[in-house]
C-alpha atoms as a PDB file:
ATOM      1  CA  MET A   1     -20.013  38.800  -2.605  1.00  0.00           C
ATOM      2  CA  THR A   2     -22.821  36.540  -2.489  1.00  0.00           C
ATOM      3  CA  LEU A   3     -23.345  33.117  -0.692  1.00  0.00           C
ATOM      4  CA  ALA A   4     -23.383  31.046  -4.075  1.00  0.00           C
ATOM      5  CA  ALA A   5     -20.629  33.159  -5.138  1.00  0.00           C
ATOM      6  CA  THR A   6     -18.463  32.460  -1.839  1.00  0.00           C
ATOM      7  CA  GLU A   7     -19.465  28.513  -1.935  1.00  0.00           C
ATOM      8  CA  LEU A   8     -18.186  28.412  -5.380  1.00  0.00           C
ATOM      9  CA  ALA A   9     -15.102  29.910  -4.441  1.00  0.00           C
ATOM     10  CA  PHE A  10     -14.616  27.507  -1.290  1.00  0.00           C
ATOM     11  CA  ARG A  11     -15.036  24.636  -3.537  1.00  0.00           C
ATOM     12  CA  ALA A  12     -12.853  26.151  -6.450  1.00  0.00           C
ATOM     13  CA  ALA A  13      -9.831  26.385  -4.113  1.00  0.00           C
ATOM     14  CA  ALA A  14     -10.594  22.817  -2.206  1.00  0.00           C
ATOM     15  CA  VAL A  15     -10.716  21.326  -5.825  1.00  0.00           C
ATOM     16  CA  ALA A  16      -7.468  23.137  -6.973  1.00  0.00           C
ATOM     17  CA  LEU A  17      -5.688  22.401  -3.717  1.00  0.00           C
ATOM     18  CA  LEU A  18      -6.445  18.777  -4.036  1.00  0.00           C
ATOM     19  CA  LEU A  19      -5.652  18.555  -7.812  1.00  0.00           C
ATOM     20  CA  VAL A  20      -1.924  20.201  -7.078  1.00  0.00           C
ATOM     21  CA  LEU A  21      -1.377  17.571  -4.010  1.00  0.00           C
ATOM     22  CA  ALA A  22      -2.136  14.742  -6.286  1.00  0.00           C
ATOM     23  CA  ALA A  23       0.034  15.861  -9.020  1.00  0.00           C
ATOM     24  CA  SER A  24       2.781  16.559  -6.670  1.00  0.00           C
ATOM     25  CA  LEU A  25       2.420  13.457  -4.934  1.00  0.00           C
ATOM     26  CA  LEU A  26       2.510  11.553  -8.130  1.00  0.00           C
ATOM     27  CA  SER A  27       5.346  13.248  -9.620  1.00  0.00           C
ATOM     28  CA  ASP A  28       7.472  13.134  -6.846  1.00  0.00           C
ATOM     29  CA  PHE A  29       6.628   9.708  -5.416  1.00  0.00           C
ATOM     30  CA  ARG A  30       4.745   7.598  -7.736  1.00  0.00           C
ATOM     31  CA  ASN A  31       6.619   4.605  -7.115  1.00  0.00           C
ATOM     32  CA  VAL A  32       5.430   4.786  -3.402  1.00  0.00           C
ATOM     33  CA  LEU A  33       1.961   2.575  -2.777  1.00  0.00           C
ATOM     34  CA  ALA A  34       1.096   5.467   0.107  1.00  0.00           C
ATOM     35  CA  ALA A  35       1.746   8.330  -2.226  1.00  0.00           C
ATOM     36  CA  ARG A  36      -0.321   6.979  -5.028  1.00  0.00           C
ATOM     37  CA  LEU A  37      -2.972   6.069  -2.766  1.00  0.00           C
ATOM     38  CA  GLY A  38      -2.951   9.514  -1.321  1.00  0.00           C
ATOM     39  CA  ALA A  39      -3.077  11.024  -4.875  1.00  0.00           C
ATOM     40  CA  ALA A  40      -6.282   8.866  -5.512  1.00  0.00           C
ATOM     41  CA  PHE A  41      -7.533  10.329  -2.137  1.00  0.00           C
ATOM     42  CA  ALA A  42      -7.003  13.837  -3.045  1.00  0.00           C
ATOM     43  CA  LEU A  43      -8.735  13.355  -6.357  1.00  0.00           C
ATOM     44  CA  GLY A  44     -11.722  11.311  -5.061  1.00  0.00           C
ATOM     45  CA  SER A  45     -11.868  14.396  -2.175  1.00  0.00           C
ATOM     46  CA  ALA A  46     -11.925  16.773  -5.334  1.00  0.00           C
ATOM     47  CA  ALA A  47     -14.909  15.058  -6.661  1.00  0.00           C
ATOM     48  CA  HIS A  48     -16.458  15.354  -3.013  1.00  0.00           C
ATOM     49  CA  ALA A  49     -15.776  19.073  -2.953  1.00  0.00           C
ATOM     50  CA  VAL A  50     -17.408  19.366  -6.216  1.00  0.00           C
ATOM     51  CA  SER A  51     -20.816  17.027  -5.495  1.00  0.00           C
ATOM     52  CA  TYR A  52     -21.454  17.220  -2.078  1.00  0.00           C
ATOM     53  CA  SER A  53     -24.357  19.172  -0.431  1.00  0.00           C
ATOM     54  CA  VAL A  54     -25.582  19.276   2.892  1.00  0.00           C
ATOM     55  CA  GLY A  55     -29.249  17.352   3.173  1.00  0.00           C
ATOM     56  CA  THR A  56     -30.199  15.326   0.146  1.00  0.00           C
ATOM     57  CA  SER A  57     -33.475  15.407  -2.135  1.00  0.00           C
ATOM     58  CA  SER A  58     -34.998  12.671  -4.100  1.00  0.00           C
ATOM     59  CA  LEU A  59     -33.647  13.615  -7.103  1.00  0.00           C
ATOM     60  CA  VAL A  60     -30.123  13.236  -8.524  1.00  0.00           C
ATOM     61  CA  PRO A  61     -29.205  14.637 -11.768  1.00  0.00           C
ATOM     62  CA  ALA A  62     -27.679  11.985 -14.175  1.00  0.00           C
ATOM     63  CA  TRP A  63     -24.356  13.361 -14.218  1.00  0.00           C
ATOM     64  CA  HIS A  64     -23.836  14.191 -10.659  1.00  0.00           C
ATOM     65  CA  ALA A  65     -24.390  10.821  -9.794  1.00  0.00           C
ATOM     66  CA  PRO A  66     -21.085   9.570 -11.044  1.00  0.00           C
ATOM     67  CA  LEU A  67     -19.252  12.330  -8.844  1.00  0.00           C
ATOM     68  CA  ILE A  68     -21.278  11.096  -5.601  1.00  0.00           C
ATOM     69  CA  ALA A  69     -20.419   7.411  -6.139  1.00  0.00           C
ATOM     70  CA  VAL A  70     -16.503   8.006  -6.652  1.00  0.00           C
ATOM     71  CA  SER A  71     -16.964  10.307  -3.849  1.00  0.00           C
ATOM     72  CA  THR A  72     -18.249   7.861  -1.544  1.00  0.00           C
ATOM     73  CA  GLY A  73     -16.026   5.152  -2.776  1.00  0.00           C
ATOM     74  CA  ASN A  74     -13.403   7.547  -1.844  1.00  0.00           C
ATOM     75  CA  ILE A  75     -13.958   6.390   1.759  1.00  0.00           C
ATOM     76  CA  VAL A  76     -12.421   3.054   0.817  1.00  0.00           C
ATOM     77  CA  VAL A  77      -9.199   4.781  -0.587  1.00  0.00           C
ATOM     78  CA  PHE A  78      -9.036   6.944   2.399  1.00  0.00           C
ATOM     79  CA  TRP A  79      -8.841   3.571   4.600  1.00  0.00           C
ATOM     80  CA  LEU A  80      -6.078   2.090   2.212  1.00  0.00           C
ATOM     81  CA  PHE A  81      -4.401   5.126   2.302  1.00  0.00           C
ATOM     82  CA  THR A  82      -3.970   4.889   6.267  1.00  0.00           C
ATOM     83  CA  ARG A  83      -2.984   1.388   5.988  1.00  0.00           C
ATOM     84  CA  ALA A  84      -0.406   2.164   3.897  1.00  0.00           C
ATOM     85  CA  LEU A  85       0.378   5.377   5.308  1.00  0.00           C
ATOM     86  CA  PHE A  86       1.271   3.901   8.928  1.00  0.00           C
ATOM     87  CA  ASP A  87       2.779   0.476   7.378  1.00  0.00           C
ATOM     88  CA  ASP A  88       5.798   0.311   4.800  1.00  0.00           C
ATOM     89  CA  GLU A  89       4.539  -3.413   4.013  1.00  0.00           C
ATOM     90  CA  PHE A  90       1.179  -3.181   3.176  1.00  0.00           C
ATOM     91  CA  ARG A  91       0.240  -4.419  -0.267  1.00  0.00           C
ATOM     92  CA  LEU A  92      -2.847  -3.971  -2.604  1.00  0.00           C
ATOM     93  CA  ARG A  93      -5.100  -6.739  -2.866  1.00  0.00           C
ATOM     94  CA  ARG A  94      -7.731  -8.017  -5.527  1.00  0.00           C
ATOM     95  CA  TRP A  95     -10.249  -7.526  -2.641  1.00  0.00           C
ATOM     96  CA  HIS A  96      -9.398  -4.232  -1.777  1.00  0.00           C
ATOM     97  CA  GLY A  97     -10.415  -2.845  -5.460  1.00  0.00           C
ATOM     98  CA  LEU A  98     -13.697  -4.893  -5.090  1.00  0.00           C
ATOM     99  CA  THR A  99     -14.632  -3.413  -1.996  1.00  0.00           C
ATOM    100  CA  TRP A 100     -13.725   0.298  -3.486  1.00  0.00           C
ATOM    101  CA  GLY A 101     -15.919  -1.291  -6.954  1.00  0.00           C
ATOM    102  CA  LEU A 102     -18.785  -2.422  -4.530  1.00  0.00           C
ATOM    103  CA  VAL A 103     -19.144   0.500  -2.435  1.00  0.00           C
ATOM    104  CA  THR A 104     -19.080   3.030  -5.285  1.00  0.00           C
ATOM    105  CA  ALA A 105     -21.516   0.964  -7.043  1.00  0.00           C
ATOM    106  CA  PHE A 106     -23.966   0.747  -3.991  1.00  0.00           C
ATOM    107  CA  SER A 107     -23.854   4.714  -4.039  1.00  0.00           C
ATOM    108  CA  PHE A 108     -24.524   5.001  -7.668  1.00  0.00           C
ATOM    109  CA  VAL A 109     -27.356   2.887  -7.498  1.00  0.00           C
ATOM    110  CA  SER A 110     -28.692   4.733  -4.641  1.00  0.00           C
ATOM    111  CA  CYS A 111     -28.575   7.818  -6.341  1.00  0.00           C
ATOM    112  CA  LEU A 112     -30.312   7.036  -9.343  1.00  0.00           C
ATOM    113  CA  TRP A 113     -33.106   4.350  -8.361  1.00  0.00           C
ATOM    114  CA  ILE A 114     -33.024   3.486  -4.913  1.00  0.00           C
ATOM    115  CA  ALA A 115     -33.516   7.552  -3.636  1.00  0.00           C
ATOM    116  CA  PRO A 116     -35.875   8.238  -6.540  1.00  0.00           C
ATOM    117  CA  GLY A 117     -37.826   5.365  -5.858  1.00  0.00           C
ATOM    118  CA  GLY A 118     -38.986   6.715  -2.524  1.00  0.00           C
ATOM    119  CA  HIS A 119     -36.084   5.657  -0.104  1.00  0.00           C
ATOM    120  CA  VAL A 120     -34.509   8.217   0.224  1.00  0.00           C
ATOM    121  CA  ARG A 121     -33.695   7.811   3.884  1.00  0.00           C
ATOM    122  CA  PHE A 122     -32.961   4.306   3.667  1.00  0.00           C
ATOM    123  CA  ALA A 123     -30.427   5.117   0.927  1.00  0.00           C
ATOM    124  CA  VAL A 124     -28.773   7.841   2.394  1.00  0.00           C
ATOM    125  CA  THR A 125     -28.432   6.377   6.036  1.00  0.00           C
ATOM    126  CA  ALA A 126     -26.850   3.358   4.199  1.00  0.00           C
ATOM    127  CA  VAL A 127     -24.266   4.920   2.324  1.00  0.00           C
ATOM    128  CA  ASN A 128     -23.343   7.471   5.141  1.00  0.00           C
ATOM    129  CA  LEU A 129     -23.418   4.124   7.719  1.00  0.00           C
ATOM    130  CA  ILE A 130     -20.547   2.503   5.372  1.00  0.00           C
ATOM    131  CA  VAL A 131     -18.731   5.860   5.591  1.00  0.00           C
ATOM    132  CA  LEU A 132     -18.511   5.824   9.098  1.00  0.00           C
ATOM    133  CA  GLY A 133     -17.727   2.143   9.077  1.00  0.00           C
ATOM    134  CA  PHE A 134     -14.798   2.887   7.361  1.00  0.00           C
ATOM    135  CA  ILE A 135     -13.523   5.611   9.081  1.00  0.00           C
ATOM    136  CA  ALA A 136     -14.190   3.651  12.250  1.00  0.00           C
ATOM    137  CA  LEU A 137     -11.538   1.280  10.498  1.00  0.00           C
ATOM    138  CA  ALA A 138      -8.887   3.857   9.346  1.00  0.00           C
ATOM    139  CA  ILE A 139      -8.989   5.220  13.121  1.00  0.00           C
ATOM    140  CA  MET A 140      -8.245   1.948  14.518  1.00  0.00           C
ATOM    141  CA  GLN A 141      -5.694   1.412  12.155  1.00  0.00           C
ATOM    142  CA  THR A 142      -4.200   4.617  13.017  1.00  0.00           C
ATOM    143  CA  ILE A 143      -4.046   3.886  16.755  1.00  0.00           C
ATOM    144  CA  GLY A 144      -2.832   0.214  16.572  1.00  0.00           C
ATOM    145  CA  SER A 145       0.026   1.543  14.101  1.00  0.00           C
ATOM    146  CA  TRP A 146       0.629   5.038  15.181  1.00  0.00           C
ATOM    147  CA  SER A 147       3.480   4.360  18.422  1.00  0.00           C
ATOM    148  CA  ALA A 148       5.425   1.640  15.893  1.00  0.00           C
ATOM    149  CA  ASP A 149       6.601   5.148  13.894  1.00  0.00           C
ATOM    150  CA  LEU A 150       9.872   6.256  15.251  1.00  0.00           C
ATOM    151  CA  VAL A 151      10.128   9.769  13.506  1.00  0.00           C
ATOM    152  CA  GLU A 152       8.717  12.343  15.364  1.00  0.00           C
ATOM    153  CA  ARG A 153       7.537  14.666  12.717  1.00  0.00           C
ATOM    154  CA  ARG A 154       5.947  12.360  10.374  1.00  0.00           C
ATOM    155  CA  ARG A 155       4.119  10.608  13.538  1.00  0.00           C
ATOM    156  CA  ARG A 156       2.666  14.350  14.137  1.00  0.00           C
ATOM    157  CA  VAL A 157       1.998  14.686  10.111  1.00  0.00           C
ATOM    158  CA  ARG A 158       0.164  11.502   9.599  1.00  0.00           C
ATOM    159  CA  ILE A 159      -2.131  11.751  12.834  1.00  0.00           C
ATOM    160  CA  PHE A 160      -3.547  15.285  11.484  1.00  0.00           C
ATOM    161  CA  ILE A 161      -4.102  14.422   8.295  1.00  0.00           C
ATOM    162  CA  VAL A 162      -5.796  11.268   9.457  1.00  0.00           C
ATOM    163  CA  CYS A 163      -7.902  12.857  12.178  1.00  0.00           C
ATOM    164  CA  ALA A 164      -8.440  15.861  10.097  1.00  0.00           C
ATOM    165  CA  ALA A 165     -10.090  13.804   7.120  1.00  0.00           C
ATOM    166  CA  ALA A 166     -11.674  11.351   9.861  1.00  0.00           C
ATOM    167  CA  LEU A 167     -12.942  14.244  11.619  1.00  0.00           C
ATOM    168  CA  TYR A 168     -14.741  15.880   8.426  1.00  0.00           C
ATOM    169  CA  GLY A 169     -15.970  12.822   6.960  1.00  0.00           C
ATOM    170  CA  GLY A 170     -17.757  11.623  10.063  1.00  0.00           C
ATOM    171  CA  LEU A 171     -19.258  14.821  10.906  1.00  0.00           C
ATOM    172  CA  ASN A 172     -20.340  15.052   7.384  1.00  0.00           C
ATOM    173  CA  ALA A 173     -21.978  11.744   7.295  1.00  0.00           C
ATOM    174  CA  LEU A 174     -23.460  12.206  10.594  1.00  0.00           C
ATOM    175  CA  LEU A 175     -25.148  15.370   9.424  1.00  0.00           C
ATOM    176  CA  GLN A 176     -26.706  13.417   5.870  1.00  0.00           C
ATOM    177  CA  ILE A 177     -28.446  11.046   8.080  1.00  0.00           C
ATOM    178  CA  LEU A 178     -29.775  13.592  10.401  1.00  0.00           C
ATOM    179  CA  VAL A 179     -30.997  15.954   7.782  1.00  0.00           C
ATOM    180  CA  VAL A 180     -31.933  13.267   5.146  1.00  0.00           C
ATOM    181  CA  GLY A 181     -34.478  14.397   2.930  1.00  0.00           C
ATOM    182  CA  SER A 182     -34.061  18.383   3.842  1.00  0.00           C
ATOM    183  CA  ASP A 183     -32.650  21.616   2.104  1.00  0.00           C
ATOM    184  CA  VAL A 184     -30.910  23.067   4.770  1.00  0.00           C
ATOM    185  CA  GLY A 185     -29.925  26.017   2.804  1.00  0.00           C
ATOM    186  CA  ASP A 186     -26.969  28.121   1.150  1.00  0.00           C
ATOM    187  CA  VAL A 187     -25.397  29.056   4.740  1.00  0.00           C
ATOM    188  CA  ALA A 188     -24.899  24.994   5.648  1.00  0.00           C
ATOM    189  CA  ASN A 189     -23.012  24.554   2.401  1.00  0.00           C
ATOM    190  CA  THR A 190     -21.160  27.581   2.406  1.00  0.00           C
ATOM    191  CA  VAL A 191     -19.681  26.621   5.680  1.00  0.00           C
ATOM    192  CA  ASN A 192     -19.416  23.195   4.916  1.00  0.00           C
ATOM    193  CA  THR A 193     -17.106  24.350   1.729  1.00  0.00           C
ATOM    194  CA  GLY A 194     -15.433  26.523   3.623  1.00  0.00           C
ATOM    195  CA  VAL A 195     -14.389  24.251   6.404  1.00  0.00           C
ATOM    196  CA  LEU A 196     -13.431  21.604   3.681  1.00  0.00           C
ATOM    197  CA  ALA A 197     -11.043  24.150   2.049  1.00  0.00           C
ATOM    198  CA  SER A 198      -9.522  24.894   5.319  1.00  0.00           C
ATOM    199  CA  ILE A 199      -8.660  21.485   6.076  1.00  0.00           C
ATOM    200  CA  VAL A 200      -7.096  20.968   2.888  1.00  0.00           C
ATOM    201  CA  ALA A 201      -5.116  23.836   3.400  1.00  0.00           C
ATOM    202  CA  ALA A 202      -3.843  22.918   6.689  1.00  0.00           C
ATOM    203  CA  ILE A 203      -3.218  19.557   5.125  1.00  0.00           C
ATOM    204  CA  VAL A 204      -1.112  20.623   2.270  1.00  0.00           C
ATOM    205  CA  TYR A 205       0.679  22.838   4.605  1.00  0.00           C
ATOM    206  CA  ALA A 206       1.568  20.431   7.120  1.00  0.00           C
ATOM    207  CA  MET A 207       3.031  18.123   4.510  1.00  0.00           C
ATOM    208  CA  MET A 208       5.133  21.028   3.075  1.00  0.00           C
ATOM    209  CA  ARG A 209       6.986  21.176   6.997  1.00  0.00           C
ATOM    210  CA  VAL A 210       8.151  17.232   6.882  1.00  0.00           C
ATOM    211  CA  ASP A 211      10.726  16.003   4.146  1.00  0.00           C
ATOM    212  CA  GLY A 212       8.683  13.943   1.689  1.00  0.00           C
ATOM    213  CA  ALA A 213      11.294  11.151   2.074  1.00  0.00           C
ATOM    214  CA  ASP A 214      10.130  10.968   5.807  1.00  0.00           C
ATOM    215  CA  LEU A 215       6.495  10.992   4.922  1.00  0.00           C
ATOM    216  CA  PHE A 216       6.690   8.489   2.063  1.00  0.00           C
ATOM    217  CA  PRO A 217       9.824   6.339   2.146  1.00  0.00           C
ATOM    218  CA  ALA A 218      11.039   4.872  -1.173  1.00  0.00           C
ATOM    219  CA  ALA A 219      10.106   1.213  -0.515  1.00  0.00           C
ATOM    220  CA  ALA A 220       9.651  -1.108   2.621  1.00  0.00           C
ATOM    221  CA  GLU A 221      12.392  -0.333   5.386  1.00  0.00           C
ATOM    222  CA  ALA A 222      15.274  -2.496   4.711  1.00  0.00           C
ATOM    223  CA  ALA A 223      16.534  -3.894   8.248  1.00  0.00           C
ATOM    224  CA  PRO A 224      19.601  -2.128   9.345  1.00  0.00           C
ATOM    225  CA  ALA A 225      22.326  -4.081  10.607  1.00  0.00           C
ATOM    226  CA  ILE A 226      21.754  -5.455  14.732  1.00  0.00           C
ATOM    227  CA  ALA A 227      25.251  -3.989  15.511  1.00  0.00           C
ATOM    228  CA  ALA A 228      24.882  -0.388  17.136  1.00  0.00           C
ATOM    229  CA  SER A 229      25.981   2.541  14.990  1.00  0.00           C
ATOM    230  CA  GLN A 230      27.294   5.692  16.501  1.00  0.00           C
ATOM    231  CA  PRO A 231      24.496   7.518  17.660  1.00  0.00           C
ATOM    232  CA  VAL A 232      23.432  11.185  17.179  1.00  0.00           C
ATOM    233  CA  GLY A 233      22.333  13.695  19.844  1.00  0.00           C
ATOM    234  CA  GLU A 234      23.608  15.973  22.352  1.00  0.00           C
ATOM    235  CA  ASP A 235      25.420  13.912  24.759  1.00  0.00           C
ATOM    236  CA  ALA A 236      26.939  11.127  22.426  1.00  0.00           C
ATOM    237  CA  ALA A 237      28.235   9.210  25.197  1.00  0.00           C
ATOM    238  CA  ALA A 238      25.178   9.023  27.404  1.00  0.00           C
ATOM    239  CA  ASP A 239      23.492   7.903  24.413  1.00  0.00           C
ATOM    240  CA  GLN A 240      25.978   5.263  23.731  1.00  0.00           C
ATOM    241  CA  LYS A 241      25.428   3.796  26.811  1.00  0.00           C
ATOM    242  CA  LEU A 242      21.766   3.462  26.458  1.00  0.00           C
ATOM    243  CA  ILE A 243      22.408   1.712  23.231  1.00  0.00           C
ATOM    244  CA  ASP A 244      24.650  -0.673  24.812  1.00  0.00           C
ATOM    245  CA  ALA A 245      22.139  -1.354  27.292  1.00  0.00           C
ATOM    246  CA  LEU A 246      19.190  -1.743  24.995  1.00  0.00           C
ATOM    247  CA  MET A 247      21.477  -3.971  22.801  1.00  0.00           C
ATOM    248  CA  ARG A 248      22.052  -6.115  25.566  1.00  0.00           C
ATOM    249  CA  LEU A 249      18.357  -6.596  26.546  1.00  0.00           C
ATOM    250  CA  MET A 250      17.857  -7.675  22.784  1.00  0.00           C
ATOM    251  CA  ALA A 251      20.616  -9.908  22.699  1.00  0.00           C
ATOM    252  CA  HIS A 252      20.898 -11.203  26.162  1.00  0.00           C
ATOM    253  CA  GLU A 253      17.589 -11.228  27.291  1.00  0.00           C
ATOM    254  CA  ARG A 254      15.820 -11.230  24.198  1.00  0.00           C
ATOM    255  CA  ILE A 255      13.264  -8.849  25.092  1.00  0.00           C
ATOM    256  CA  TYR A 256      11.829  -9.209  21.742  1.00  0.00           C
ATOM    257  CA  ARG A 257      10.249 -12.634  22.567  1.00  0.00           C
ATOM    258  CA  GLN A 258       7.689 -10.767  25.156  1.00  0.00           C
ATOM    259  CA  GLU A 259       4.468 -10.845  24.021  1.00  0.00           C
ATOM    260  CA  ASN A 260       3.161  -7.543  23.241  1.00  0.00           C
ATOM    261  CA  ILE A 261       6.414  -5.703  23.778  1.00  0.00           C
ATOM    262  CA  SER A 262       6.193  -1.896  23.353  1.00  0.00           C
ATOM    263  CA  ILE A 263       8.167   0.717  22.869  1.00  0.00           C
ATOM    264  CA  GLY A 264       6.846   2.092  26.281  1.00  0.00           C
ATOM    265  CA  VAL A 265       7.607  -1.254  27.748  1.00  0.00           C
ATOM    266  CA  LEU A 266      11.056  -0.864  26.467  1.00  0.00           C
ATOM    267  CA  ALA A 267      11.854   2.629  27.691  1.00  0.00           C
ATOM    268  CA  GLY A 268      10.388   1.492  31.335  1.00  0.00           C
ATOM    269  CA  ARG A 269      12.844  -1.179  31.389  1.00  0.00           C
ATOM    270  CA  LEU A 270      15.671   1.357  30.509  1.00  0.00           C
ATOM    271  CA  LYS A 271      14.290   4.240  32.741  1.00  0.00           C
ATOM    272  CA  ILE A 272      14.186   6.692  29.942  1.00  0.00           C
ATOM    273  CA  PRO A 273      11.073   8.925  28.435  1.00  0.00           C
ATOM    274  CA  GLU A 274       9.470   6.800  25.388  1.00  0.00           C
ATOM    275  CA  TYR A 275      10.288   9.987  22.925  1.00  0.00           C
ATOM    276  CA  ARG A 276      14.327   9.750  23.997  1.00  0.00           C
ATOM    277  CA  LEU A 277      14.182   5.759  23.243  1.00  0.00           C
ATOM    278  CA  ARG A 278      12.161   6.557  19.863  1.00  0.00           C
ATOM    279  CA  ARG A 279      15.002   8.738  18.689  1.00  0.00           C
ATOM    280  CA  LEU A 280      17.696   6.743  19.483  1.00  0.00           C
ATOM    281  CA  ILE A 281      16.304   3.866  17.415  1.00  0.00           C
ATOM    282  CA  ASN A 282      15.488   6.359  14.688  1.00  0.00           C
ATOM    283  CA  GLN A 283      18.594   8.179  15.097  1.00  0.00           C
ATOM    284  CA  GLY A 284      21.204   5.916  16.500  1.00  0.00           C
ATOM    285  CA  LEU A 285      20.406   2.509  14.759  1.00  0.00           C
ATOM    286  CA  GLY A 286      18.891   3.692  11.943  1.00  0.00           C
ATOM    287  CA  TYR A 287      15.491   2.364  12.068  1.00  0.00           C
ATOM    288  CA  ARG A 288      12.255   4.138  11.079  1.00  0.00           C
ATOM    289  CA  ASN A 289       9.548   1.705  12.586  1.00  0.00           C
ATOM    290  CA  PHE A 290       9.729  -0.008  15.915  1.00  0.00           C
ATOM    291  CA  ASN A 291       8.135  -3.160  14.771  1.00  0.00           C
ATOM    292  CA  VAL A 292      10.798  -3.596  11.910  1.00  0.00           C
ATOM    293  CA  PHE A 293      13.561  -3.130  14.754  1.00  0.00           C
ATOM    294  CA  LEU A 294      11.970  -5.989  16.713  1.00  0.00           C
ATOM    295  CA  ASN A 295      11.830  -8.149  13.677  1.00  0.00           C
ATOM    296  CA  ASN A 296      15.185  -7.818  12.562  1.00  0.00           C
ATOM    297  CA  HIS A 297      16.323  -9.336  16.125  1.00  0.00           C
ATOM    298  CA  ARG A 298      13.411 -12.082  15.918  1.00  0.00           C
ATOM    299  CA  ILE A 299      14.532 -12.869  12.082  1.00  0.00           C
ATOM    300  CA  GLU A 300      18.275 -13.234  13.460  1.00  0.00           C
ATOM    301  CA  GLU A 301      17.299 -15.777  15.871  1.00  0.00           C
ATOM    302  CA  ALA A 302      14.928 -17.510  13.734  1.00  0.00           C
ATOM    303  CA  LYS A 303      17.917 -17.738  10.679  1.00  0.00           C
ATOM    304  CA  ALA A 304      20.388 -19.283  13.359  1.00  0.00           C
ATOM    305  CA  ALA A 305      17.641 -21.937  14.143  1.00  0.00           C
ATOM    306  CA  LEU A 306      16.970 -22.827  10.845  1.00  0.00           C
ATOM    307  CA  ALA A 307      20.444 -23.307   9.573  1.00  0.00           C
ATOM    308  CA  ASP A 308      21.217 -25.441  12.703  1.00  0.00           C
ATOM    309  CA  PRO A 309      21.395 -29.234  12.056  1.00  0.00           C
ATOM    310  CA  ALA A 310      20.415 -29.986  15.548  1.00  0.00           C
ATOM    311  CA  GLN A 311      17.005 -28.110  14.798  1.00  0.00           C
ATOM    312  CA  ALA A 312      16.302 -29.607  11.304  1.00  0.00           C
ATOM    313  CA  GLU A 313      12.760 -31.243  12.831  1.00  0.00           C
ATOM    314  CA  VAL A 314      11.567 -28.206  14.635  1.00  0.00           C
ATOM    315  CA  PRO A 315       8.627 -27.294  12.592  1.00  0.00           C
ATOM    316  CA  VAL A 316       8.829 -23.661  11.200  1.00  0.00           C
ATOM    317  CA  ILE A 317       5.430 -22.236  13.175  1.00  0.00           C
ATOM    318  CA  THR A 318       7.501 -23.440  16.099  1.00  0.00           C
ATOM    319  CA  ILE A 319      10.560 -21.184  15.567  1.00  0.00           C
ATOM    320  CA  ALA A 320       8.493 -18.337  14.555  1.00  0.00           C
ATOM    321  CA  MET A 321       6.861 -18.574  18.041  1.00  0.00           C
ATOM    322  CA  ASP A 322      10.043 -18.920  20.025  1.00  0.00           C
ATOM    323  CA  SER A 323      11.592 -15.923  17.985  1.00  0.00           C
ATOM    324  CA  GLY A 324       8.915 -13.690  19.347  1.00  0.00           C
ATOM    325  CA  PHE A 325       5.990 -13.663  16.449  1.00  0.00           C
ATOM    326  CA  GLN A 326       2.623 -14.582  17.307  1.00  0.00           C
ATOM    327  CA  SER A 327       1.560 -16.116  14.024  1.00  0.00           C
ATOM    328  CA  LEU A 328       3.022 -17.796  10.947  1.00  0.00           C
ATOM    329  CA  GLY A 329       1.591 -15.635   8.301  1.00  0.00           C
ATOM    330  CA  PRO A 330       3.484 -12.245   9.614  1.00  0.00           C
ATOM    331  CA  PHE A 331       6.647 -14.145  10.195  1.00  0.00           C
ATOM    332  CA  ASN A 332       6.723 -15.792   6.396  1.00  0.00           C
ATOM    333  CA  ARG A 333       6.195 -12.202   5.215  1.00  0.00           C
ATOM    334  CA  ALA A 334       8.981 -10.583   7.745  1.00  0.00           C
ATOM    335  CA  PHE A 335      11.335 -13.239   7.279  1.00  0.00           C
ATOM    336  CA  LYS A 336      11.034 -12.853   3.438  1.00  0.00           C
ATOM    337  CA  ALA A 337      11.279  -9.196   3.208  1.00  0.00           C
ATOM    338  CA  VAL A 338      14.612  -9.310   5.188  1.00  0.00           C
ATOM    339  CA  THR A 339      15.928 -12.457   3.256  1.00  0.00           C
ATOM    340  CA  GLY A 340      14.410 -12.728  -0.106  1.00  0.00           C
ATOM    341  CA  VAL A 341      13.167 -16.136   0.631  1.00  0.00           C
ATOM    342  CA  THR A 342      10.660 -18.176   2.492  1.00  0.00           C
ATOM    343  CA  PRO A 343      11.573 -19.666   5.886  1.00  0.00           C
ATOM    344  CA  THR A 344      11.274 -22.904   4.509  1.00  0.00           C
ATOM    345  CA  GLU A 345      13.537 -22.310   1.257  1.00  0.00           C
ATOM    346  CA  TYR A 346      16.186 -20.800   3.598  1.00  0.00           C
ATOM    347  CA  ARG A 347      16.122 -23.642   5.341  1.00  0.00           C
ATOM    348  CA  ARG A 348      16.715 -25.729   2.672  1.00  0.00           C
ATOM    349  CA  LEU A 349      19.389 -23.856   1.319  1.00  0.00           C
ATOM    350  CA  LYS A 350      21.354 -23.913   4.565  1.00  0.00           C
ATOM    351  CA  VAL A 351      21.151 -27.364   4.665  1.00  0.00           C
ATOM    352  CA  ASN A 352      22.365 -28.133   1.265  1.00  0.00           C
ATOM    353  CA  ALA A 353      25.285 -26.266   1.908  1.00  0.00           C
ATOM    354  CA  VAL A 354      26.641 -27.975   4.885  1.00  0.00           C
END
């Protein structure tokens, strides 16, 4: 088999896997934002598999430019996908779509006018610096949110998906900048498409090994009742004692008020490994996200304060800060997600009910 035929086979395999992945996500989880963004990312990656070549000449066929533009804009989709994947409360905004449109449009203009106009190095460097910037944002989002995920298998799959995609995209962007204007030959393109097909296959395999309902929860996690439920584990009695100790920390010491409280800090207070605390909160109390667990307790305290006639003149932001929130915006969003109303509306309803 020639190099050209091998490269074509790798491209076809990658595109086929990506199309199957997109169809599967839309079929099973079409109502879940993270899954829809994952499907969009898969489709954009298919465009990348069709259009990408290592090295860039100044001339791009007109039919090729839209594929390259969509492939470039796909990095914005990747960033949004990582945000939705690690934050069940993430919602798309107009400016997200505008950002995708601007990146895609700039790539399209670069293909048809900037690069052919004698500015190949500028066009390629600018586009790939944008790609690297969004990859950096996605990695920071992953690092910042990963520890809050309490479902161990899901944590591993999520980190693998993000790291594999970011590593491939980042290395390709750097390579494009380094060899801009050069034709590096069929070997490099064949190796690149082979690596892409392998990464896609590994991601698909990894996703098959975790429950889809865990990877893409059907909706933002509803806050379970604060009261401890029966724990699940090899030693139920020991687990129950730990859960009781955890609930005392939350109810009596109100440790959720502590600034930058993390699951590692909480595990240290209980003198148990972090992985065991994750399992207890997830399997024993029914939470899938550590921040939701903390916010449930914070909101319960805020609800009590807002319903207290003696605190009717206390500003909402003061109540939010006293409950452990660092700013008003996250407090309002978390409060409405749990109660269905804003803190101000909740206070008014409680006051009128008295």
